[in-house]
Amino acid sequence: MDKRLQCDHDAIQFARHQRATANECSQDVWQMLRNRRCRNQKFRREFPIPPYTVDFCCVALKLIVEVDGEHHQTDEGRQHDQRRDQYLTEQGYQVVRIPGYEVLRNAAAVRRQIEQAIDERIEQRPPSSPALLPRDESEHHSPSSRGRREPE
């Protein structure tokens, strides 16, 4: 099997396992985000961005929401998160980290934090190109009509 296909397959299998074994905090955040419930933005759960898999990702905004459990509070966990966040930032993503205990303690504040990140990301996004409008023939002449006078 092609190495890239194997990597993609492994990442997908890992993401499926993570979704199936998600903890209560992650489940609560997913309920806030799923089905465009937060600022009408589509989020994906346990989304692979090789070599990592992120908890939640809004692909359109390149916004990641990570729910941090106890293992993120260790020195090793913080170092890993720092390397991971740096890599994801270099890829153009913004990472929002939320402590798991905060989800349980104050879900409304967590939702506001995510909404604020969405709003900021939307504001930062360059405006889309305006659609090309049909040319007004009275303003734009073809090269063959230049220099000709209109009949009176």
N, C-alpha and C. Protein backbone atom coordinates (compact mmCIF):
# COMPACT_ATOMS: atom_id res chain seq x y z
N MET A 1 0.85 -1.19 0.00
CA MET A 1 0.00 0.00 0.00
C MET A 1 0.89 1.24 0.00
N ASP A 2 0.49 2.25 -0.74
CA ASP A 2 1.21 3.51 -0.80
C ASP A 2 1.35 4.07 0.62
N LYS A 3 2.56 4.58 0.96
CA LYS A 3 2.82 5.08 2.31
C LYS A 3 1.86 6.20 2.70
N ARG A 4 1.56 7.10 1.74
CA ARG A 4 0.65 8.22 2.03
C ARG A 4 -0.76 7.70 2.33
N LEU A 5 -1.21 6.72 1.55
CA LEU A 5 -2.54 6.15 1.78
C LEU A 5 -2.59 5.46 3.14
N GLN A 6 -1.51 4.78 3.51
CA GLN A 6 -1.46 4.12 4.82
C GLN A 6 -1.53 5.15 5.94
N CYS A 7 -0.80 6.25 5.77
CA CYS A 7 -0.81 7.33 6.77
C CYS A 7 -2.22 7.90 6.91
N ASP A 8 -2.87 8.18 5.77
CA ASP A 8 -4.24 8.70 5.81
C ASP A 8 -5.18 7.70 6.46
N HIS A 9 -5.05 6.44 6.12
CA HIS A 9 -5.89 5.40 6.71
C HIS A 9 -5.67 5.33 8.23
N ASP A 10 -4.42 5.37 8.66
CA ASP A 10 -4.12 5.33 10.09
C ASP A 10 -4.70 6.55 10.81
N ALA A 11 -4.58 7.72 10.19
CA ALA A 11 -5.11 8.95 10.79
C ALA A 11 -6.63 8.87 10.92
N ILE A 12 -7.28 8.34 9.92
CA ILE A 12 -8.74 8.20 9.96
C ILE A 12 -9.15 7.21 11.04
N GLN A 13 -8.45 6.11 11.13
CA GLN A 13 -8.76 5.11 12.16
C GLN A 13 -8.56 5.69 13.56
N PHE A 14 -7.49 6.46 13.74
CA PHE A 14 -7.23 7.09 15.03
C PHE A 14 -8.36 8.08 15.37
N ALA A 15 -8.76 8.88 14.39
CA ALA A 15 -9.83 9.85 14.61
C ALA A 15 -11.13 9.14 14.99
N ARG A 16 -11.44 8.05 14.33
CA ARG A 16 -12.65 7.28 14.67
C ARG A 16 -12.59 6.77 16.10
N HIS A 17 -11.43 6.27 16.49
CA HIS A 17 -11.27 5.77 17.86
C HIS A 17 -11.45 6.90 18.86
N GLN A 18 -10.88 8.05 18.58
CA GLN A 18 -11.01 9.20 19.48
C GLN A 18 -12.47 9.64 19.61
N ARG A 19 -13.18 9.66 18.52
CA ARG A 19 -14.60 10.05 18.58
C ARG A 19 -15.39 9.07 19.44
N ALA A 20 -15.09 7.79 19.29
CA ALA A 20 -15.82 6.75 20.02
C ALA A 20 -15.52 6.78 21.51
N THR A 21 -14.34 7.28 21.89
CA THR A 21 -13.95 7.25 23.31
C THR A 21 -13.85 8.65 23.91
N ALA A 22 -14.50 9.64 23.31
CA ALA A 22 -14.42 11.02 23.79
C ALA A 22 -14.93 11.14 25.22
N ASN A 23 -14.27 12.02 25.99
CA ASN A 23 -14.69 12.22 27.37
C ASN A 23 -15.87 13.21 27.45
N GLU A 24 -16.38 13.38 28.64
CA GLU A 24 -17.56 14.22 28.86
C GLU A 24 -17.32 15.66 28.41
N CYS A 25 -16.14 16.20 28.68
CA CYS A 25 -15.85 17.59 28.30
C CYS A 25 -15.90 17.75 26.78
N SER A 26 -15.26 16.83 26.08
CA SER A 26 -15.27 16.90 24.62
C SER A 26 -16.67 16.73 24.07
N GLN A 27 -17.44 15.85 24.67
CA GLN A 27 -18.83 15.65 24.23
C GLN A 27 -19.64 16.94 24.40
N ASP A 28 -19.43 17.62 25.53
CA ASP A 28 -20.17 18.87 25.77
C ASP A 28 -19.81 19.94 24.75
N VAL A 29 -18.52 20.08 24.45
CA VAL A 29 -18.11 21.07 23.45
C VAL A 29 -18.65 20.68 22.08
N TRP A 30 -18.63 19.39 21.76
CA TRP A 30 -19.17 18.95 20.47
C TRP A 30 -20.65 19.33 20.35
N GLN A 31 -21.39 19.22 21.43
CA GLN A 31 -22.81 19.60 21.39
C GLN A 31 -22.97 21.10 21.12
N MET A 32 -21.99 21.91 21.55
CA MET A 32 -22.03 23.35 21.26
C MET A 32 -21.75 23.64 19.79
N LEU A 33 -20.89 22.81 19.18
CA LEU A 33 -20.37 23.11 17.84
C LEU A 33 -21.08 22.40 16.70
N ARG A 34 -21.60 21.22 16.96
CA ARG A 34 -22.13 20.38 15.88
C ARG A 34 -23.32 21.03 15.18
N ASN A 35 -23.53 20.62 13.95
CA ASN A 35 -24.67 21.11 13.14
C ASN A 35 -24.73 22.64 13.05
N ARG A 36 -23.56 23.26 12.96
CA ARG A 36 -23.47 24.72 12.79
C ARG A 36 -24.15 25.49 13.93
N ARG A 37 -24.10 24.95 15.14
CA ARG A 37 -24.76 25.58 16.28
C ARG A 37 -24.03 26.80 16.81
N CYS A 38 -22.79 26.99 16.40
CA CYS A 38 -22.00 28.11 16.91
C CYS A 38 -21.64 29.03 15.74
N ARG A 39 -22.31 30.16 15.68
CA ARG A 39 -22.08 31.17 14.64
C ARG A 39 -22.24 30.60 13.22
N ASN A 40 -23.04 29.56 13.10
CA ASN A 40 -23.34 28.93 11.81
C ASN A 40 -22.07 28.44 11.09
N GLN A 41 -21.07 28.07 11.86
CA GLN A 41 -19.82 27.56 11.28
C GLN A 41 -19.78 26.04 11.41
N LYS A 42 -19.29 25.39 10.37
CA LYS A 42 -19.19 23.93 10.36
C LYS A 42 -17.89 23.51 11.03
N PHE A 43 -18.01 22.70 12.07
CA PHE A 43 -16.85 22.14 12.75
C PHE A 43 -16.82 20.64 12.51
N ARG A 44 -15.62 20.11 12.44
CA ARG A 44 -15.42 18.67 12.33
C ARG A 44 -14.76 18.20 13.61
N ARG A 45 -15.16 17.02 14.04
CA ARG A 45 -14.66 16.46 15.30
C ARG A 45 -13.54 15.48 15.02
N GLU A 46 -12.49 15.52 15.86
CA GLU A 46 -11.33 14.63 15.71
C GLU A 46 -10.85 14.64 14.27
N PHE A 47 -10.44 15.82 13.84
CA PHE A 47 -10.08 16.06 12.44
C PHE A 47 -8.58 15.89 12.24
N PRO A 48 -8.18 15.00 11.32
CA PRO A 48 -6.74 14.81 11.08
C PRO A 48 -6.12 15.96 10.30
N ILE A 49 -5.05 16.52 10.86
CA ILE A 49 -4.17 17.46 10.17
C ILE A 49 -2.79 16.88 10.38
N PRO A 50 -2.42 15.91 9.52
CA PRO A 50 -1.17 15.16 9.74
C PRO A 50 0.02 16.07 10.01
N PRO A 51 0.80 15.72 11.00
CA PRO A 51 0.84 14.45 11.72
C PRO A 51 -0.05 14.44 12.96
N TYR A 52 -0.94 15.40 13.12
CA TYR A 52 -1.76 15.50 14.32
C TYR A 52 -3.23 15.24 14.01
N THR A 53 -4.00 15.04 15.06
CA THR A 53 -5.46 14.99 14.99
C THR A 53 -5.95 15.99 16.02
N VAL A 54 -6.77 16.94 15.59
CA VAL A 54 -7.26 17.99 16.49
C VAL A 54 -8.66 17.64 16.98
N ASP A 55 -9.03 18.17 18.15
CA ASP A 55 -10.34 17.87 18.72
C ASP A 55 -11.47 18.36 17.81
N PHE A 56 -11.43 19.65 17.47
CA PHE A 56 -12.47 20.26 16.64
C PHE A 56 -11.82 21.25 15.69
N CYS A 57 -12.30 21.25 14.44
CA CYS A 57 -11.72 22.15 13.45
C CYS A 57 -12.80 22.74 12.56
N CYS A 58 -12.78 24.04 12.43
CA CYS A 58 -13.59 24.73 11.42
C CYS A 58 -12.63 24.95 10.26
N VAL A 59 -12.75 24.14 9.23
CA VAL A 59 -11.83 24.17 8.10
C VAL A 59 -11.91 25.52 7.38
N ALA A 60 -13.10 26.04 7.20
CA ALA A 60 -13.29 27.29 6.47
C ALA A 60 -12.55 28.46 7.11
N LEU A 61 -12.50 28.47 8.44
CA LEU A 61 -11.82 29.55 9.16
C LEU A 61 -10.43 29.18 9.63
N LYS A 62 -10.05 27.90 9.42
CA LYS A 62 -8.78 27.39 9.93
C LYS A 62 -8.68 27.68 11.43
N LEU A 63 -9.76 27.32 12.13
CA LEU A 63 -9.86 27.52 13.57
C LEU A 63 -9.96 26.16 14.25
N ILE A 64 -9.11 25.95 15.23
CA ILE A 64 -9.06 24.69 15.97
C ILE A 64 -9.46 24.95 17.41
N VAL A 65 -10.30 24.08 17.95
CA VAL A 65 -10.66 24.14 19.37
C VAL A 65 -10.15 22.85 20.01
N GLU A 66 -9.31 22.99 21.02
CA GLU A 66 -8.75 21.85 21.74
C GLU A 66 -9.27 21.88 23.17
N VAL A 67 -9.79 20.75 23.62
CA VAL A 67 -10.24 20.60 25.01
C VAL A 67 -9.13 19.85 25.74
N ASP A 68 -8.49 20.53 26.68
CA ASP A 68 -7.32 19.98 27.36
C ASP A 68 -7.71 19.26 28.65
N GLY A 69 -7.35 17.99 28.69
CA GLY A 69 -7.54 17.18 29.89
C GLY A 69 -6.33 17.27 30.81
N GLU A 70 -6.29 16.39 31.80
CA GLU A 70 -5.22 16.43 32.81
C GLU A 70 -3.83 16.27 32.22
N HIS A 71 -3.69 15.40 31.21
CA HIS A 71 -2.35 15.15 30.67
C HIS A 71 -1.73 16.39 30.02
N HIS A 72 -2.54 17.39 29.71
CA HIS A 72 -2.02 18.64 29.13
C HIS A 72 -1.42 19.53 30.21
N GLN A 73 -1.67 19.21 31.47
CA GLN A 73 -1.19 20.04 32.57
C GLN A 73 0.20 19.65 33.05
N THR A 74 0.76 18.58 32.52
CA THR A 74 2.11 18.15 32.90
C THR A 74 3.12 18.93 32.06
N ASP A 75 4.38 18.94 32.50
CA ASP A 75 5.44 19.61 31.74
C ASP A 75 5.55 19.01 30.35
N GLU A 76 5.53 17.68 30.27
CA GLU A 76 5.63 17.00 28.99
C GLU A 76 4.45 17.35 28.09
N GLY A 77 3.26 17.37 28.68
CA GLY A 77 2.06 17.71 27.92
C GLY A 77 2.09 19.13 27.39
N ARG A 78 2.55 20.07 28.21
CA ARG A 78 2.64 21.47 27.78
C ARG A 78 3.67 21.63 26.66
N GLN A 79 4.79 20.92 26.76
CA GLN A 79 5.81 21.00 25.70
C GLN A 79 5.27 20.44 24.39
N HIS A 80 4.57 19.31 24.48
CA HIS A 80 3.98 18.71 23.28
C HIS A 80 2.97 19.66 22.66
N ASP A 81 2.12 20.26 23.49
CA ASP A 81 1.10 21.20 22.99
C ASP A 81 1.76 22.41 22.33
N GLN A 82 2.85 22.88 22.91
CA GLN A 82 3.54 24.04 22.35
C GLN A 82 4.10 23.72 20.96
N ARG A 83 4.73 22.55 20.80
CA ARG A 83 5.26 22.14 19.49
C ARG A 83 4.11 21.98 18.49
N ARG A 84 3.06 21.36 18.94
CA ARG A 84 1.90 21.11 18.09
C ARG A 84 1.25 22.41 17.65
N ASP A 85 1.04 23.33 18.60
CA ASP A 85 0.43 24.62 18.28
C ASP A 85 1.29 25.42 17.32
N GLN A 86 2.61 25.35 17.50
CA GLN A 86 3.51 26.06 16.60
C GLN A 86 3.37 25.52 15.17
N TYR A 87 3.35 24.21 15.05
CA TYR A 87 3.20 23.58 13.74
C TYR A 87 1.87 24.00 13.10
N LEU A 88 0.79 23.91 13.87
CA LEU A 88 -0.53 24.23 13.32
C LEU A 88 -0.63 25.71 12.95
N THR A 89 -0.01 26.57 13.75
CA THR A 89 0.00 28.00 13.44
C THR A 89 0.76 28.26 12.15
N GLU A 90 1.87 27.55 11.96
CA GLU A 90 2.64 27.67 10.72
C GLU A 90 1.83 27.22 9.51
N GLN A 91 0.86 26.35 9.74
CA GLN A 91 -0.02 25.89 8.66
C GLN A 91 -1.19 26.85 8.43
N GLY A 92 -1.25 27.92 9.23
CA GLY A 92 -2.30 28.92 9.05
C GLY A 92 -3.49 28.78 9.99
N TYR A 93 -3.42 27.86 10.94
CA TYR A 93 -4.52 27.64 11.87
C TYR A 93 -4.36 28.50 13.13
N GLN A 94 -5.48 28.82 13.74
CA GLN A 94 -5.49 29.43 15.07
C GLN A 94 -5.98 28.35 16.02
N VAL A 95 -5.29 28.19 17.14
CA VAL A 95 -5.65 27.16 18.11
C VAL A 95 -6.20 27.82 19.36
N VAL A 96 -7.41 27.41 19.75
CA VAL A 96 -8.03 27.86 21.00
C VAL A 96 -7.99 26.68 21.96
N ARG A 97 -7.32 26.86 23.09
CA ARG A 97 -7.21 25.79 24.09
C ARG A 97 -8.16 26.09 25.25
N ILE A 98 -8.94 25.07 25.59
CA ILE A 98 -9.92 25.21 26.67
C ILE A 98 -9.66 24.10 27.69
N PRO A 99 -9.41 24.47 28.94
CA PRO A 99 -9.23 23.43 29.97
C PRO A 99 -10.54 22.65 30.15
N GLY A 100 -10.44 21.34 30.24
CA GLY A 100 -11.62 20.51 30.38
C GLY A 100 -12.48 20.88 31.58
N TYR A 101 -11.82 21.20 32.71
CA TYR A 101 -12.59 21.55 33.90
C TYR A 101 -13.43 22.80 33.68
N GLU A 102 -12.97 23.70 32.79
CA GLU A 102 -13.72 24.92 32.51
C GLU A 102 -15.02 24.62 31.77
N VAL A 103 -15.00 23.59 30.93
CA VAL A 103 -16.20 23.18 30.21
C VAL A 103 -17.27 22.75 31.21
N LEU A 104 -16.85 22.00 32.22
CA LEU A 104 -17.78 21.52 33.23
C LEU A 104 -18.22 22.63 34.18
N ARG A 105 -17.32 23.54 34.48
CA ARG A 105 -17.60 24.58 35.46
C ARG A 105 -18.40 25.74 34.88
N ASN A 106 -18.10 26.13 33.62
CA ASN A 106 -18.74 27.31 33.06
C ASN A 106 -18.88 27.19 31.54
N ALA A 107 -19.82 26.39 31.11
CA ALA A 107 -20.01 26.12 29.68
C ALA A 107 -20.36 27.39 28.90
N ALA A 108 -21.10 28.30 29.52
CA ALA A 108 -21.48 29.53 28.82
C ALA A 108 -20.25 30.37 28.50
N ALA A 109 -19.30 30.45 29.42
CA ALA A 109 -18.07 31.20 29.18
C ALA A 109 -17.24 30.53 28.08
N VAL A 110 -17.23 29.21 28.05
CA VAL A 110 -16.51 28.48 27.01
C VAL A 110 -17.12 28.80 25.65
N ARG A 111 -18.43 28.78 25.59
CA ARG A 111 -19.11 29.10 24.32
C ARG A 111 -18.77 30.51 23.86
N ARG A 112 -18.78 31.47 24.79
CA ARG A 112 -18.44 32.85 24.44
C ARG A 112 -17.00 32.95 23.93
N GLN A 113 -16.09 32.20 24.54
CA GLN A 113 -14.69 32.20 24.10
C GLN A 113 -14.57 31.68 22.67
N ILE A 114 -15.29 30.63 22.36
CA ILE A 114 -15.27 30.06 21.01
C ILE A 114 -15.92 31.04 20.02
N GLU A 115 -17.04 31.64 20.40
CA GLU A 115 -17.71 32.61 19.52
C GLU A 115 -16.81 33.80 19.24
N GLN A 116 -16.09 34.26 20.26
CA GLN A 116 -15.17 35.38 20.07
C GLN A 116 -14.06 35.02 19.10
N ALA A 117 -13.52 33.81 19.22
CA ALA A 117 -12.48 33.35 18.29
C ALA A 117 -13.02 33.27 16.86
N ILE A 118 -14.25 32.79 16.71
CA ILE A 118 -14.87 32.72 15.38
C ILE A 118 -15.01 34.13 14.81
N ASP A 119 -15.54 35.05 15.61
CA ASP A 119 -15.74 36.43 15.15
C ASP A 119 -14.42 37.07 14.73
N GLU A 120 -13.37 36.86 15.53
CA GLU A 120 -12.06 37.43 15.20
C GLU A 120 -11.52 36.82 13.91
N ARG A 121 -11.71 35.53 13.74
CA ARG A 121 -11.21 34.84 12.55
C ARG A 121 -11.95 35.34 11.31
N ILE A 122 -13.25 35.57 11.43
CA ILE A 122 -14.04 36.09 10.30
C ILE A 122 -13.54 37.49 9.94
N GLU A 123 -13.27 38.32 10.95
CA GLU A 123 -12.78 39.68 10.70
C GLU A 123 -11.41 39.68 10.03
N GLN A 124 -10.57 38.69 10.37
CA GLN A 124 -9.22 38.61 9.81
C GLN A 124 -9.21 38.09 8.39
N ARG A 125 -10.24 37.37 8.02
CA ARG A 125 -10.28 36.74 6.71
C ARG A 125 -10.32 37.81 5.63
N PRO A 126 -9.47 37.66 4.60
CA PRO A 126 -9.51 38.66 3.53
C PRO A 126 -10.86 38.62 2.83
N PRO A 127 -11.35 39.78 2.39
CA PRO A 127 -12.65 39.79 1.70
C PRO A 127 -12.56 38.97 0.42
N SER A 128 -13.65 38.32 0.10
CA SER A 128 -13.67 37.53 -1.13
C SER A 128 -13.74 38.47 -2.32
N SER A 129 -13.26 38.01 -3.45
CA SER A 129 -13.26 38.82 -4.67
C SER A 129 -14.69 39.05 -5.12
N PRO A 130 -15.01 40.27 -5.50
CA PRO A 130 -16.37 40.51 -6.00
C PRO A 130 -16.57 39.77 -7.31
N ALA A 131 -17.77 39.37 -7.55
CA ALA A 131 -18.09 38.67 -8.80
C ALA A 131 -17.86 39.61 -9.97
N LEU A 132 -17.41 39.06 -11.05
CA LEU A 132 -17.22 39.88 -12.23
C LEU A 132 -18.58 40.29 -12.77
N LEU A 133 -18.71 41.56 -12.97
CA LEU A 133 -19.97 42.09 -13.47
C LEU A 133 -19.89 42.23 -14.98
N PRO A 134 -21.03 42.08 -15.67
CA PRO A 134 -20.99 42.26 -17.13
C PRO A 134 -20.58 43.69 -17.45
N ARG A 135 -19.83 43.83 -18.51
CA ARG A 135 -19.38 45.16 -18.91
C ARG A 135 -20.53 45.96 -19.49
N ASP A 136 -20.51 47.22 -19.19
CA ASP A 136 -21.48 48.15 -19.77
C ASP A 136 -20.93 48.57 -21.12
N GLU A 137 -21.59 48.23 -22.18
CA GLU A 137 -21.10 48.49 -23.54
C GLU A 137 -20.88 49.96 -23.80
N SER A 138 -21.61 50.84 -23.11
CA SER A 138 -21.43 52.27 -23.36
C SER A 138 -20.11 52.78 -22.80
N GLU A 139 -19.55 52.08 -21.82
CA GLU A 139 -18.30 52.51 -21.21
C GLU A 139 -17.09 51.84 -21.84
N HIS A 140 -17.24 50.65 -22.38
CA HIS A 140 -16.11 49.89 -22.89
C HIS A 140 -16.33 49.62 -24.37
N HIS A 141 -15.45 50.17 -25.16
CA HIS A 141 -15.56 50.00 -26.60
C HIS A 141 -14.58 48.95 -27.06
N SER A 142 -14.95 48.24 -28.10
CA SER A 142 -14.03 47.25 -28.66
C SER A 142 -12.93 48.00 -29.41
N PRO A 143 -11.75 47.39 -29.56
CA PRO A 143 -10.65 48.06 -30.25
C PRO A 143 -11.02 48.48 -31.67
N SER A 144 -11.89 47.76 -32.32
CA SER A 144 -12.23 48.09 -33.70
C SER A 144 -13.10 49.34 -33.79
N SER A 145 -13.75 49.75 -32.71
CA SER A 145 -14.62 50.92 -32.78
C SER A 145 -13.91 52.19 -32.33
N ARG A 146 -12.68 52.06 -31.86
CA ARG A 146 -11.96 53.25 -31.40
C ARG A 146 -11.65 54.17 -32.59
N GLY A 147 -11.80 55.43 -32.33
CA GLY A 147 -11.48 56.42 -33.34
C GLY A 147 -12.61 56.64 -34.34
N ARG A 148 -13.61 55.85 -34.30
CA ARG A 148 -14.75 56.04 -35.21
C ARG A 148 -15.73 56.98 -34.57
N ARG A 149 -16.32 57.74 -35.40
CA ARG A 149 -17.37 58.63 -34.92
C ARG A 149 -18.71 57.96 -35.11
N GLU A 150 -19.55 58.18 -34.17
CA GLU A 150 -20.91 57.68 -34.28
C GLU A 150 -21.64 58.50 -35.32
N PRO A 151 -22.48 57.84 -36.13
CA PRO A 151 -23.26 58.64 -37.10
C PRO A 151 -24.21 59.58 -36.38
N GLU A 152 -24.38 60.77 -36.98
CA GLU A 152 -25.26 61.76 -36.35
C GLU A 152 -26.65 61.69 -36.87
